[in-house]
Amino acid sequence: MEKLEGTLEELNRCFTRMLDLSQQELQLAEQAGPESDVSAGLFGLMQEREELAGMVDSLIARITSETGNSDIVGQSFAQKLIAIQQNDRQTRQLIGRSLNEIGKKLQVARASKKAYKAYAPSGTESAWFIDKKK
């Protein structure tokens, strides 16, 4: 029983850290925009969450093998799991909006480049220099 309690405590620490990371991701996503670069920060947080997810999987497997029941995990940590899912949903929405804004700015830049090429001189290969001094 003590072993199970220790495993549940470690699982609680993992879920608490994952919730904290999901909140940090949400904060970064709120700061994200076409002019800001938060990708490195988000990538680091996602990597840490991925490592924690692996630990959670192994802890759940250990609990299931000891008790024969995986429902303990769902019942014990439902609130944290729901909060993590809500943060993830909001983060995805914010990042999606930022990507749409970036896409629109990229389209404008491409159109501007196309217009510039259409009206700008094509180059200097056909230019002639005439020296009128004698």
Protein backbone atom coordinates (compact mmCIF):
# COMPACT_ATOMS: atom_id res chain seq x y z
CA MET A 1 0.00 0.00 0.00
CA GLU A 2 2.87 2.40 0.77
CA LYS A 3 4.34 1.71 -2.62
CA LEU A 4 1.01 2.62 -4.23
CA GLU A 5 0.78 5.84 -2.22
CA GLY A 6 4.31 6.80 -3.26
CA THR A 7 3.46 6.15 -6.89
CA LEU A 8 0.28 8.22 -6.59
CA GLU A 9 2.25 11.07 -4.99
CA GLU A 10 4.77 11.00 -7.83
CA LEU A 11 1.94 10.94 -10.34
CA ASN A 12 0.41 13.95 -8.57
CA ARG A 13 3.72 15.82 -8.89
CA CYS A 14 3.87 14.99 -12.60
CA PHE A 15 0.32 16.19 -13.23
CA THR A 16 0.93 19.34 -11.18
CA ARG A 17 4.02 20.10 -13.26
CA MET A 18 2.15 19.37 -16.49
CA LEU A 19 -0.60 21.77 -15.41
CA ASP A 20 2.04 24.41 -14.66
CA LEU A 21 3.65 23.87 -18.06
CA SER A 22 0.29 24.09 -19.83
CA GLN A 23 -0.34 27.43 -18.09
CA GLN A 24 3.08 28.68 -19.21
CA GLU A 25 2.34 27.58 -22.77
CA LEU A 26 -0.95 29.47 -22.64
CA GLN A 27 0.82 32.61 -21.42
CA LEU A 28 3.36 32.37 -24.26
CA ALA A 29 0.58 31.79 -26.78
CA GLU A 30 -1.17 34.92 -25.51
CA GLN A 31 2.04 36.87 -26.17
CA ALA A 32 2.47 35.31 -29.61
CA GLY A 33 1.81 37.35 -32.66
CA PRO A 34 3.17 38.04 -36.10
CA GLU A 35 5.92 40.22 -34.67
CA SER A 36 6.99 38.04 -31.74
CA ASP A 37 8.97 34.82 -31.69
CA VAL A 38 7.87 32.56 -28.86
CA SER A 39 8.45 29.32 -30.75
CA ALA A 40 11.65 28.41 -28.90
CA GLY A 41 9.97 28.86 -25.53
CA LEU A 42 6.93 26.87 -26.58
CA PHE A 43 9.11 24.12 -28.01
CA GLY A 44 11.04 23.78 -24.73
CA LEU A 45 7.85 23.59 -22.69
CA MET A 46 6.39 21.01 -25.06
CA GLN A 47 9.52 18.86 -24.80
CA GLU A 48 9.35 18.91 -21.01
CA ARG A 49 5.67 17.99 -21.13
CA GLU A 50 6.46 15.13 -23.49
CA GLU A 51 9.01 13.76 -21.01
CA LEU A 52 6.48 14.07 -18.18
CA ALA A 53 3.87 12.30 -20.30
CA GLY A 54 6.26 9.35 -20.64
CA MET A 55 6.74 9.28 -16.88
CA VAL A 56 2.97 9.46 -16.35
CA ASP A 57 2.44 6.53 -18.70
CA SER A 58 4.94 4.38 -16.81
CA LEU A 59 3.45 5.38 -13.43
CA ILE A 60 -0.07 4.56 -14.62
CA ALA A 61 1.17 1.20 -15.90
CA ARG A 62 2.74 0.53 -12.50
CA ILE A 63 -0.49 1.47 -10.68
CA THR A 64 -2.57 -0.67 -13.02
CA SER A 65 -0.30 -3.67 -12.53
CA GLU A 66 -0.38 -3.27 -8.73
CA THR A 67 -4.12 -2.72 -8.39
CA GLY A 68 -5.56 -4.16 -11.57
CA ASN A 69 -7.57 -0.95 -11.86
CA SER A 70 -6.64 2.13 -13.87
CA ASP A 71 -9.78 4.05 -12.84
CA ILE A 72 -7.99 5.24 -9.70
CA VAL A 73 -5.91 7.60 -11.82
CA GLY A 74 -8.89 9.10 -13.63
CA GLN A 75 -10.81 9.63 -10.43
CA SER A 76 -7.88 11.08 -8.50
CA PHE A 77 -6.61 13.51 -11.10
CA ALA A 78 -9.71 14.41 -13.13
CA GLN A 79 -9.66 18.11 -12.19
CA LYS A 80 -6.02 18.55 -13.19
CA LEU A 81 -6.56 16.67 -16.44
CA ILE A 82 -9.56 18.84 -17.31
CA ALA A 83 -7.61 22.03 -16.53
CA ILE A 84 -4.71 20.84 -18.70
CA GLN A 85 -7.11 20.08 -21.57
CA GLN A 86 -8.73 23.51 -21.29
CA ASN A 87 -5.33 25.24 -21.34
CA ASP A 88 -4.29 23.18 -24.36
CA ARG A 89 -7.50 24.04 -26.20
CA GLN A 90 -7.02 27.77 -25.57
CA THR A 91 -3.34 27.56 -26.55
CA ARG A 92 -4.20 25.86 -29.85
CA GLN A 93 -6.82 28.51 -30.61
CA LEU A 94 -4.41 31.37 -29.89
CA ILE A 95 -1.62 29.82 -31.93
CA GLY A 96 -4.07 29.17 -34.77
CA ARG A 97 -5.06 32.84 -34.80
CA SER A 98 -1.42 33.90 -34.78
CA LEU A 99 -0.68 31.59 -37.70
CA ASN A 100 -3.62 33.05 -39.63
CA GLU A 101 -2.30 36.57 -39.01
CA ILE A 102 1.17 35.54 -40.15
CA GLY A 103 -0.33 33.94 -43.26
CA LYS A 104 -2.20 37.13 -44.12
CA LYS A 105 0.94 39.24 -43.66
CA LEU A 106 2.87 36.81 -45.86
CA GLN A 107 0.24 37.14 -48.60
CA VAL A 108 0.48 40.93 -48.42
CA ALA A 109 4.27 40.76 -48.61
CA ARG A 110 4.13 38.45 -51.64
CA ALA A 111 1.66 40.75 -53.38
CA SER A 112 3.90 43.75 -52.63
CA LYS A 113 6.92 41.92 -54.00
CA LYS A 114 5.01 40.98 -57.14
CA ALA A 115 3.89 44.60 -57.67
CA TYR A 116 7.43 45.86 -57.10
CA LYS A 117 8.81 43.46 -59.69
CA ALA A 118 6.13 44.53 -62.17
CA TYR A 119 6.90 48.25 -61.92
CA ALA A 120 10.59 48.36 -60.96
CA PRO A 121 13.32 48.45 -63.58
CA SER A 122 14.33 44.97 -64.57
CA GLY A 123 18.04 45.42 -63.98
CA THR A 124 21.16 47.08 -65.29
CA GLU A 125 22.23 44.57 -67.92
CA SER A 126 20.82 46.67 -70.77
CA ALA A 127 21.91 50.04 -69.37
CA TRP A 128 24.43 52.15 -71.25
CA PHE A 129 26.71 54.78 -69.87
CA ILE A 130 27.54 57.59 -72.27
CA ASP A 131 30.41 59.84 -71.35
CA LYS A 132 29.76 63.22 -73.01
CA LYS A 133 32.95 64.81 -71.70
CA LYS A 134 35.75 65.39 -74.10
